[in-house]
């Protein structure tokens, strides 16, 4: 983790822009709406709190999939000389019998009442102090550790030289298609981080094949699948554990904002990052104000996410297309 002050990249943490060119795109809903989860709680005597903290640190916290850094563990009960303590998330223990068995190990150190899994707390840290105060009132007392997205921006691994190279390649190809063909000037490049020089370039094929699903991203995924299949047959190897997904951790560069079909295909392919140039106001699926505002890349209903940036400025001029076209 690089300290914010030590990062050589220029980052505007308010506007979420890197090097004045890469605009980070995320769902505002996912930040401002709490993703609630249930937690196990007990009521204890304040004088015995140190033993409960010992239990949490030694037996619960190391294995809990949920980080409680933004959540206060202890809350005072109104009109009672007791404390309510969060033990762990429901994702660590689902059954009350398991929690009771663990508490039994500490029966000589502290007593408790009201073991339950009814309290809901936000899984995601609050993005602003105001939201932190609001969620603290609605759900459970929270800690304010600053905007979590600042650290996300700071931790991005950005190779501006590689990015500008790939955007130049796809924009040049897009203009070639526009000047001499009847095809849509939509171009995508898939870059495998383990072999970045051997990228896959794909164009929109729907006008040549007659298949309305042959968008540039879908065509690129098909190319990668065909290449992978050929390599396996050639080498007589089975699918490795490390390459479970076709485009795992790939960087994808595309001229136009992907539609819902292509955005979801990138989710299924487990890419790492998508960078596009032109927004598609009516059919795009990555910007908050595009299409139906799905923001597919970090929709909390999906089990995988990827980074998305839009290139800002006029460095790469590509042909405009009808904003009703799905890309």
Foldseek 3Di string as FASTA:
>chain_A
DDDPVPFPWDADPVQGDINNWWGWFFFPCPQLPFPKFWFKKWKFAPVLVVVLVVLLVPPNVVPAPADQQFADQWDDDPPDNIIMGTRGTCVRPVDPVVVVVSVVVCPVRTDTDDTDGDAMAGRDHHQDPVSQVVRCVVGNHTHPPHGPVSVVSRPDDDDPVLVVVVLQVLLVQLVVCVPPHPFHSKKKWKAQPVHRVPIFIFAQCCVPPVDLPRHRLVVRLVVLVVVVVVVCVVVVDDDDPVPPASRAQIEMEIAEAAFPVSLVVCQRRNYAEYEYEYYLQCGHAQHCRRHPRNNSQPRVVDPGHHIYIYTDDDPRDGDDDPSVRGD
